[in-house]
Amino acid sequence: MQVSDEIAVELLGVNKWFGEFHVLRDINLTVRTGERIVVCGPSGSGKSTMIRCINRLEEHQKGTIVVDGIELTNDLKKIDEVRRE
């Protein structure tokens, strides 16, 4: 698949805390349609938490996550819309 200019996933200033522990700190990421990326880092650095936030298995506390042009918020209708696509 060829990489397009269309953005598939975008994170803008995403932050996530577990109590006092700041797991995701001001994360910015753009993944274009057809692009493949690798998320790597040491254990406990937030890789799985970031993916769980994109999939809405975890809620982020600050910032914006957009999947296929739909901003993921606490509105469950939007989450269901993204998952249907």
PDB file of N, CA and C in Angstrom:
ATOM      1  N   MET A   1       0.836  -1.171   0.000  1.00  0.00           N
ATOM      2  CA  MET A   1       0.000   0.000   0.000  1.00  0.00           C
ATOM      3  C   MET A   1       0.883   1.236   0.000  1.00  0.00           C
ATOM      4  N   GLN A   2       0.510   2.198  -0.785  1.00  0.00           N
ATOM      5  CA  GLN A   2       1.274   3.428  -0.890  1.00  0.00           C
ATOM      6  C   GLN A   2       0.827   4.415   0.189  1.00  0.00           C
ATOM      7  N   VAL A   3       1.754   5.189   0.713  1.00  0.00           N
ATOM      8  CA  VAL A   3       1.442   6.192   1.731  1.00  0.00           C
ATOM      9  C   VAL A   3       0.751   7.370   1.064  1.00  0.00           C
ATOM     10  N   SER A   4      -0.362   7.800   1.647  1.00  0.00           N
ATOM     11  CA  SER A   4      -1.098   8.930   1.083  1.00  0.00           C
ATOM     12  C   SER A   4      -0.889  10.164   1.958  1.00  0.00           C
ATOM     13  N   ASP A   5      -1.416  11.288   1.501  1.00  0.00           N
ATOM     14  CA  ASP A   5      -1.353  12.520   2.291  1.00  0.00           C
ATOM     15  C   ASP A   5      -2.439  12.553   3.358  1.00  0.00           C
ATOM     16  N   GLU A   6      -3.399  11.631   3.260  1.00  0.00           N
ATOM     17  CA  GLU A   6      -4.511  11.584   4.209  1.00  0.00           C
ATOM     18  C   GLU A   6      -4.014  11.089   5.567  1.00  0.00           C
ATOM     19  N   ILE A   7      -4.428  11.770   6.617  1.00  0.00           N
ATOM     20  CA  ILE A   7      -4.011  11.400   7.969  1.00  0.00           C
ATOM     21  C   ILE A   7      -4.960  10.342   8.518  1.00  0.00           C
ATOM     22  N   ALA A   8      -4.395   9.224   8.961  1.00  0.00           N
ATOM     23  CA  ALA A   8      -5.191   8.134   9.541  1.00  0.00           C
ATOM     24  C   ALA A   8      -5.345   8.319  11.049  1.00  0.00           C
ATOM     25  N   VAL A   9      -4.245   8.639  11.723  1.00  0.00           N
ATOM     26  CA  VAL A   9      -4.253   8.819  13.179  1.00  0.00           C
ATOM     27  C   VAL A   9      -3.404  10.033  13.513  1.00  0.00           C
ATOM     28  N   GLU A  10      -3.940  10.886  14.386  1.00  0.00           N
ATOM     29  CA  GLU A  10      -3.176  12.057  14.809  1.00  0.00           C
ATOM     30  C   GLU A  10      -3.366  12.277  16.306  1.00  0.00           C
ATOM     31  N   LEU A  11      -2.259  12.446  17.001  1.00  0.00           N
ATOM     32  CA  LEU A  11      -2.272  12.782  18.418  1.00  0.00           C
ATOM     33  C   LEU A  11      -1.644  14.154  18.560  1.00  0.00           C
ATOM     34  N   LEU A  12      -2.323  15.035  19.278  1.00  0.00           N
ATOM     35  CA  LEU A  12      -1.847  16.395  19.471  1.00  0.00           C
ATOM     36  C   LEU A  12      -1.836  16.728  20.960  1.00  0.00           C
ATOM     37  N   GLY A  13      -0.662  16.854  21.526  1.00  0.00           N
ATOM     38  CA  GLY A  13      -0.527  17.226  22.930  1.00  0.00           C
ATOM     39  C   GLY A  13      -1.218  16.282  23.893  1.00  0.00           C
ATOM     40  N   VAL A  14      -1.146  14.981  23.633  1.00  0.00           N
ATOM     41  CA  VAL A  14      -1.863  13.995  24.448  1.00  0.00           C
ATOM     42  C   VAL A  14      -1.114  13.734  25.761  1.00  0.00           C
ATOM     43  N   ASN A  15      -1.875  13.771  26.851  1.00  0.00           N
ATOM     44  CA  ASN A  15      -1.347  13.504  28.186  1.00  0.00           C
ATOM     45  C   ASN A  15      -2.248  12.514  28.898  1.00  0.00           C
ATOM     46  N   LYS A  16      -1.629  11.647  29.698  1.00  0.00           N
ATOM     47  CA  LYS A  16      -2.361  10.639  30.465  1.00  0.00           C
ATOM     48  C   LYS A  16      -1.633  10.432  31.782  1.00  0.00           C
ATOM     49  N   TRP A  17      -2.397  10.419  32.865  1.00  0.00           N
ATOM     50  CA  TRP A  17      -1.858  10.168  34.189  1.00  0.00           C
ATOM     51  C   TRP A  17      -2.524   8.944  34.792  1.00  0.00           C
ATOM     52  N   PHE A  18      -1.767   8.202  35.568  1.00  0.00           N
ATOM     53  CA  PHE A  18      -2.307   7.182  36.459  1.00  0.00           C
ATOM     54  C   PHE A  18      -1.984   7.689  37.858  1.00  0.00           C
ATOM     55  N   GLY A  19      -2.951   8.317  38.489  1.00  0.00           N
ATOM     56  CA  GLY A  19      -2.696   8.968  39.777  1.00  0.00           C
ATOM     57  C   GLY A  19      -1.700  10.095  39.578  1.00  0.00           C
ATOM     58  N   GLU A  20      -0.596  10.053  40.295  1.00  0.00           N
ATOM     59  CA  GLU A  20       0.458  11.073  40.177  1.00  0.00           C
ATOM     60  C   GLU A  20       1.452  10.768  39.053  1.00  0.00           C
ATOM     61  N   PHE A  21       1.394   9.542  38.512  1.00  0.00           N
ATOM     62  CA  PHE A  21       2.361   9.115  37.496  1.00  0.00           C
ATOM     63  C   PHE A  21       1.933   9.618  36.120  1.00  0.00           C
ATOM     64  N   HIS A  22       2.745  10.472  35.522  1.00  0.00           N
ATOM     65  CA  HIS A  22       2.476  11.072  34.212  1.00  0.00           C
ATOM     66  C   HIS A  22       2.992  10.121  33.129  1.00  0.00           C
ATOM     67  N   VAL A  23       2.095   9.278  32.616  1.00  0.00           N
ATOM     68  CA  VAL A  23       2.477   8.203  31.698  1.00  0.00           C
ATOM     69  C   VAL A  23       2.769   8.736  30.301  1.00  0.00           C
ATOM     70  N   LEU A  24       1.858   9.528  29.750  1.00  0.00           N
ATOM     71  CA  LEU A  24       2.041  10.136  28.426  1.00  0.00           C
ATOM     72  C   LEU A  24       2.169  11.637  28.624  1.00  0.00           C
ATOM     73  N   ARG A  25       3.269  12.190  28.141  1.00  0.00           N
ATOM     74  CA  ARG A  25       3.558  13.602  28.380  1.00  0.00           C
ATOM     75  C   ARG A  25       3.657  14.353  27.053  1.00  0.00           C
ATOM     76  N   ASP A  26       2.583  15.074  26.719  1.00  0.00           N
ATOM     77  CA  ASP A  26       2.557  15.945  25.541  1.00  0.00           C
ATOM     78  C   ASP A  26       2.970  15.203  24.262  1.00  0.00           C
ATOM     79  N   ILE A  27       2.284  14.101  23.956  1.00  0.00           N
ATOM     80  CA  ILE A  27       2.600  13.265  22.793  1.00  0.00           C
ATOM     81  C   ILE A  27       2.000  13.864  21.526  1.00  0.00           C
ATOM     82  N   ASN A  28       2.822  14.014  20.499  1.00  0.00           N
ATOM     83  CA  ASN A  28       2.394  14.458  19.176  1.00  0.00           C
ATOM     84  C   ASN A  28       2.821  13.395  18.170  1.00  0.00           C
ATOM     85  N   LEU A  29       1.862  12.936  17.359  1.00  0.00           N
ATOM     86  CA  LEU A  29       2.139  11.868  16.402  1.00  0.00           C
ATOM     87  C   LEU A  29       1.177  11.993  15.232  1.00  0.00           C
ATOM     88  N   THR A  30       1.691  11.839  14.024  1.00  0.00           N
ATOM     89  CA  THR A  30       0.850  11.806  12.828  1.00  0.00           C
ATOM     90  C   THR A  30       1.207  10.559  12.034  1.00  0.00           C
ATOM     91  N   VAL A  31       0.185   9.745  11.749  1.00  0.00           N
ATOM     92  CA  VAL A  31       0.358   8.540  10.938  1.00  0.00           C
ATOM     93  C   VAL A  31      -0.555   8.680   9.733  1.00  0.00           C
ATOM     94  N   ARG A  32       0.022   8.620   8.554  1.00  0.00           N
ATOM     95  CA  ARG A  32      -0.754   8.768   7.320  1.00  0.00           C
ATOM     96  C   ARG A  32      -1.290   7.416   6.860  1.00  0.00           C
ATOM     97  N   THR A  33      -2.346   7.450   6.087  1.00  0.00           N
ATOM     98  CA  THR A  33      -2.940   6.231   5.549  1.00  0.00           C
ATOM     99  C   THR A  33      -1.896   5.475   4.734  1.00  0.00           C
ATOM    100  N   GLY A  34      -1.727   4.193   5.019  1.00  0.00           N
ATOM    101  CA  GLY A  34      -0.752   3.362   4.321  1.00  0.00           C
ATOM    102  C   GLY A  34       0.616   3.347   4.968  1.00  0.00           C
ATOM    103  N   GLU A  35       0.845   4.226   5.911  1.00  0.00           N
ATOM    104  CA  GLU A  35       2.136   4.297   6.590  1.00  0.00           C
ATOM    105  C   GLU A  35       2.190   3.259   7.706  1.00  0.00           C
ATOM    106  N   ARG A  36       3.345   2.673   7.883  1.00  0.00           N
ATOM    107  CA  ARG A  36       3.574   1.735   8.979  1.00  0.00           C
ATOM    108  C   ARG A  36       4.633   2.331   9.885  1.00  0.00           C
ATOM    109  N   ILE A  37       4.371   2.276  11.179  1.00  0.00           N
ATOM    110  CA  ILE A  37       5.326   2.834  12.133  1.00  0.00           C
ATOM    111  C   ILE A  37       5.655   1.793  13.193  1.00  0.00           C
ATOM    112  N   VAL A  38       6.732   2.037  13.892  1.00  0.00           N
ATOM    113  CA  VAL A  38       7.137   1.207  15.023  1.00  0.00           C
ATOM    114  C   VAL A  38       7.178   2.115  16.241  1.00  0.00           C
ATOM    115  N   VAL A  39       6.550   1.667  17.307  1.00  0.00           N
ATOM    116  CA  VAL A  39       6.609   2.386  18.577  1.00  0.00           C
ATOM    117  C   VAL A  39       7.502   1.559  19.487  1.00  0.00           C
ATOM    118  N   CYS A  40       8.648   2.112  19.826  1.00  0.00           N
ATOM    119  CA  CYS A  40       9.572   1.354  20.669  1.00  0.00           C
ATOM    120  C   CYS A  40      10.046   2.223  21.825  1.00  0.00           C
ATOM    121  N   GLY A  41      10.451   1.562  22.869  1.00  0.00           N
ATOM    122  CA  GLY A  41      10.937   2.258  24.050  1.00  0.00           C
ATOM    123  C   GLY A  41      11.049   1.270  25.188  1.00  0.00           C
ATOM    124  N   PRO A  42      11.641   1.706  26.276  1.00  0.00           N
ATOM    125  CA  PRO A  42      11.824   0.801  27.407  1.00  0.00           C
ATOM    126  C   PRO A  42      10.499   0.448  28.074  1.00  0.00           C
ATOM    127  N   SER A  43      10.518  -0.614  28.830  1.00  0.00           N
ATOM    128  CA  SER A  43       9.352  -1.038  29.593  1.00  0.00           C
ATOM    129  C   SER A  43       8.882   0.107  30.488  1.00  0.00           C
ATOM    130  N   GLY A  44       7.572   0.333  30.493  1.00  0.00           N
ATOM    131  CA  GLY A  44       7.013   1.384  31.342  1.00  0.00           C
ATOM    132  C   GLY A  44       7.036   2.769  30.746  1.00  0.00           C
ATOM    133  N   SER A  45       7.397   2.891  29.461  1.00  0.00           N
ATOM    134  CA  SER A  45       7.502   4.221  28.855  1.00  0.00           C
ATOM    135  C   SER A  45       6.191   4.722  28.253  1.00  0.00           C
ATOM    136  N   GLY A  46       5.128   3.894  28.254  1.00  0.00           N
ATOM    137  CA  GLY A  46       3.825   4.360  27.794  1.00  0.00           C
ATOM    138  C   GLY A  46       3.395   3.888  26.420  1.00  0.00           C
ATOM    139  N   LYS A  47       4.133   2.974  25.821  1.00  0.00           N
ATOM    140  CA  LYS A  47       3.785   2.494  24.469  1.00  0.00           C
ATOM    141  C   LYS A  47       2.387   1.882  24.429  1.00  0.00           C
ATOM    142  N   SER A  48       2.138   0.934  25.297  1.00  0.00           N
ATOM    143  CA  SER A  48       0.833   0.261  25.322  1.00  0.00           C
ATOM    144  C   SER A  48      -0.272   1.220  25.733  1.00  0.00           C
ATOM    145  N   THR A  49       0.018   2.111  26.655  1.00  0.00           N
ATOM    146  CA  THR A  49      -0.981   3.089  27.088  1.00  0.00           C
ATOM    147  C   THR A  49      -1.379   3.992  25.931  1.00  0.00           C
ATOM    148  N   MET A  50      -0.424   4.415  25.114  1.00  0.00           N
ATOM    149  CA  MET A  50      -0.740   5.249  23.959  1.00  0.00           C
ATOM    150  C   MET A  50      -1.666   4.503  23.003  1.00  0.00           C
ATOM    151  N   ILE A  51      -1.354   3.250  22.717  1.00  0.00           N
ATOM    152  CA  ILE A  51      -2.182   2.452  21.810  1.00  0.00           C
ATOM    153  C   ILE A  51      -3.565   2.234  22.415  1.00  0.00           C
ATOM    154  N   ARG A  52      -3.628   1.999  23.717  1.00  0.00           N
ATOM    155  CA  ARG A  52      -4.920   1.823  24.387  1.00  0.00           C
ATOM    156  C   ARG A  52      -5.747   3.109  24.332  1.00  0.00           C
ATOM    157  N   CYS A  53      -5.100   4.252  24.398  1.00  0.00           N
ATOM    158  CA  CYS A  53      -5.823   5.528  24.279  1.00  0.00           C
ATOM    159  C   CYS A  53      -6.358   5.719  22.861  1.00  0.00           C
ATOM    160  N   ILE A  54      -5.574   5.366  21.863  1.00  0.00           N
ATOM    161  CA  ILE A  54      -6.034   5.471  20.472  1.00  0.00           C
ATOM    162  C   ILE A  54      -7.237   4.560  20.252  1.00  0.00           C
ATOM    163  N   ASN A  55      -7.223   3.376  20.843  1.00  0.00           N
ATOM    164  CA  ASN A  55      -8.333   2.425  20.715  1.00  0.00           C
ATOM    165  C   ASN A  55      -9.469   2.717  21.687  1.00  0.00           C
ATOM    166  N   ARG A  56      -9.315   3.747  22.518  1.00  0.00           N
ATOM    167  CA  ARG A  56     -10.297   4.161  23.526  1.00  0.00           C
ATOM    168  C   ARG A  56     -10.553   3.097  24.585  1.00  0.00           C
ATOM    169  N   LEU A  57      -9.558   2.272  24.827  1.00  0.00           N
ATOM    170  CA  LEU A  57      -9.635   1.342  25.948  1.00  0.00           C
ATOM    171  C   LEU A  57      -9.223   2.053  27.234  1.00  0.00           C
ATOM    172  N   GLU A  58      -8.516   3.173  27.071  1.00  0.00           N
ATOM    173  CA  GLU A  58      -8.146   4.078  28.162  1.00  0.00           C
ATOM    174  C   GLU A  58      -8.527   5.481  27.716  1.00  0.00           C
ATOM    175  N   GLU A  59      -8.879   6.342  28.663  1.00  0.00           N
ATOM    176  CA  GLU A  59      -9.155   7.740  28.341  1.00  0.00           C
ATOM    177  C   GLU A  59      -7.907   8.570  28.606  1.00  0.00           C
ATOM    178  N   HIS A  60      -7.607   9.476  27.687  1.00  0.00           N
ATOM    179  CA  HIS A  60      -6.530  10.426  27.941  1.00  0.00           C
ATOM    180  C   HIS A  60      -7.150  11.634  28.650  1.00  0.00           C
ATOM    181  N   GLN A  61      -6.352  12.348  29.424  1.00  0.00           N
ATOM    182  CA  GLN A  61      -6.890  13.472  30.180  1.00  0.00           C
ATOM    183  C   GLN A  61      -6.728  14.811  29.474  1.00  0.00           C
ATOM    184  N   LYS A  62      -5.789  14.900  28.554  1.00  0.00           N
ATOM    185  CA  LYS A  62      -5.516  16.188  27.917  1.00  0.00           C
ATOM    186  C   LYS A  62      -5.033  15.939  26.503  1.00  0.00           C
ATOM    187  N   GLY A  63      -5.355  16.849  25.592  1.00  0.00           N
ATOM    188  CA  GLY A  63      -4.910  16.739  24.212  1.00  0.00           C
ATOM    189  C   GLY A  63      -6.006  16.210  23.314  1.00  0.00           C
ATOM    190  N   THR A  64      -5.642  15.951  22.060  1.00  0.00           N
ATOM    191  CA  THR A  64      -6.598  15.548  21.038  1.00  0.00           C
ATOM    192  C   THR A  64      -6.109  14.294  20.332  1.00  0.00           C
ATOM    193  N   ILE A  65      -7.040  13.351  20.121  1.00  0.00           N
ATOM    194  CA  ILE A  65      -6.764  12.163  19.318  1.00  0.00           C
ATOM    195  C   ILE A  65      -7.803  12.129  18.206  1.00  0.00           C
ATOM    196  N   VAL A  66      -7.325  12.053  16.946  1.00  0.00           N
ATOM    197  CA  VAL A  66      -8.209  12.014  15.781  1.00  0.00           C
ATOM    198  C   VAL A  66      -7.896  10.747  14.994  1.00  0.00           C
ATOM    199  N   VAL A  67      -8.938   9.952  14.706  1.00  0.00           N
ATOM    200  CA  VAL A  67      -8.797   8.729  13.916  1.00  0.00           C
ATOM    201  C   VAL A  67      -9.735   8.836  12.726  1.00  0.00           C
ATOM    202  N   ASP A  68      -9.176   8.738  11.520  1.00  0.00           N
ATOM    203  CA  ASP A  68      -9.961   8.857  10.281  1.00  0.00           C
ATOM    204  C   ASP A  68     -10.838  10.100  10.275  1.00  0.00           C
ATOM    205  N   GLY A  69     -10.285  11.208  10.755  1.00  0.00           N
ATOM    206  CA  GLY A  69     -10.996  12.481  10.725  1.00  0.00           C
ATOM    207  C   GLY A  69     -12.008  12.677  11.837  1.00  0.00           C
ATOM    208  N   ILE A  70     -12.137  11.718  12.740  1.00  0.00           N
ATOM    209  CA  ILE A  70     -13.104  11.814  13.834  1.00  0.00           C
ATOM    210  C   ILE A  70     -12.344  11.990  15.142  1.00  0.00           C
ATOM    211  N   GLU A  71     -12.620  13.104  15.830  1.00  0.00           N
ATOM    212  CA  GLU A  71     -11.963  13.343  17.113  1.00  0.00           C
ATOM    213  C   GLU A  71     -12.568  12.428  18.170  1.00  0.00           C
ATOM    214  N   LEU A  72     -11.703  11.729  18.882  1.00  0.00           N
ATOM    215  CA  LEU A  72     -12.156  10.820  19.926  1.00  0.00           C
ATOM    216  C   LEU A  72     -12.341  11.593  21.221  1.00  0.00           C
ATOM    217  N   THR A  73     -13.564  11.611  21.680  1.00  0.00           N
ATOM    218  CA  THR A  73     -13.912  12.295  22.919  1.00  0.00           C
ATOM    219  C   THR A  73     -14.596  11.285  23.824  1.00  0.00           C
ATOM    220  N   ASN A  74     -15.225  11.763  24.872  1.00  0.00           N
ATOM    221  CA  ASN A  74     -15.979  10.871  25.754  1.00  0.00           C
ATOM    222  C   ASN A  74     -17.323  10.477  25.152  1.00  0.00           C
ATOM    223  N   ASP A  75     -17.665  11.045  23.987  1.00  0.00           N
ATOM    224  CA  ASP A  75     -18.921  10.725  23.309  1.00  0.00           C
ATOM    225  C   ASP A  75     -18.825   9.322  22.711  1.00  0.00           C
ATOM    226  N   LEU A  76     -19.527   8.379  23.300  1.00  0.00           N
ATOM    227  CA  LEU A  76     -19.429   6.984  22.862  1.00  0.00           C
ATOM    228  C   LEU A  76     -19.942   6.772  21.447  1.00  0.00           C
ATOM    229  N   LYS A  77     -20.821   7.638  20.948  1.00  0.00           N
ATOM    230  CA  LYS A  77     -21.315   7.510  19.574  1.00  0.00           C
ATOM    231  C   LYS A  77     -20.171   7.688  18.583  1.00  0.00           C
ATOM    232  N   LYS A  78     -19.274   8.632  18.857  1.00  0.00           N
ATOM    233  CA  LYS A  78     -18.125   8.849  17.972  1.00  0.00           C
ATOM    234  C   LYS A  78     -17.180   7.650  18.006  1.00  0.00           C
ATOM    235  N   ILE A  79     -16.994   7.084  19.172  1.00  0.00           N
ATOM    236  CA  ILE A  79     -16.114   5.924  19.301  1.00  0.00           C
ATOM    237  C   ILE A  79     -16.677   4.759  18.503  1.00  0.00           C
ATOM    238  N   ASP A  80     -17.968   4.531  18.621  1.00  0.00           N
ATOM    239  CA  ASP A  80     -18.614   3.458  17.856  1.00  0.00           C
ATOM    240  C   ASP A  80     -18.505   3.707  16.360  1.00  0.00           C
ATOM    241  N   GLU A  81     -18.604   4.985  15.949  1.00  0.00           N
ATOM    242  CA  GLU A  81     -18.488   5.338  14.528  1.00  0.00           C
ATOM    243  C   GLU A  81     -17.111   4.970  13.984  1.00  0.00           C
ATOM    244  N   VAL A  82     -16.074   5.277  14.736  1.00  0.00           N
ATOM    245  CA  VAL A  82     -14.703   4.953  14.320  1.00  0.00           C
ATOM    246  C   VAL A  82     -14.517   3.444  14.251  1.00  0.00           C
ATOM    247  N   ARG A  83     -15.024   2.733  15.224  1.00  0.00           N
ATOM    248  CA  ARG A  83     -14.849   1.278  15.265  1.00  0.00           C
ATOM    249  C   ARG A  83     -15.589   0.587  14.129  1.00  0.00           C
ATOM    250  N   ARG A  84     -16.712   1.154  13.684  1.00  0.00           N
ATOM    251  CA  ARG A  84     -17.455   0.562  12.568  1.00  0.00           C
ATOM    252  C   ARG A  84     -16.672   0.654  11.271  1.00  0.00           C
ATOM    253  N   GLU A  85     -15.880   1.712  11.119  1.00  0.00           N
ATOM    254  CA  GLU A  85     -15.090   1.889   9.898  1.00  0.00           C
ATOM    255  C   GLU A  85     -13.934   0.952   9.956  1.00  0.00           C
TER     256      GLU A  85
END
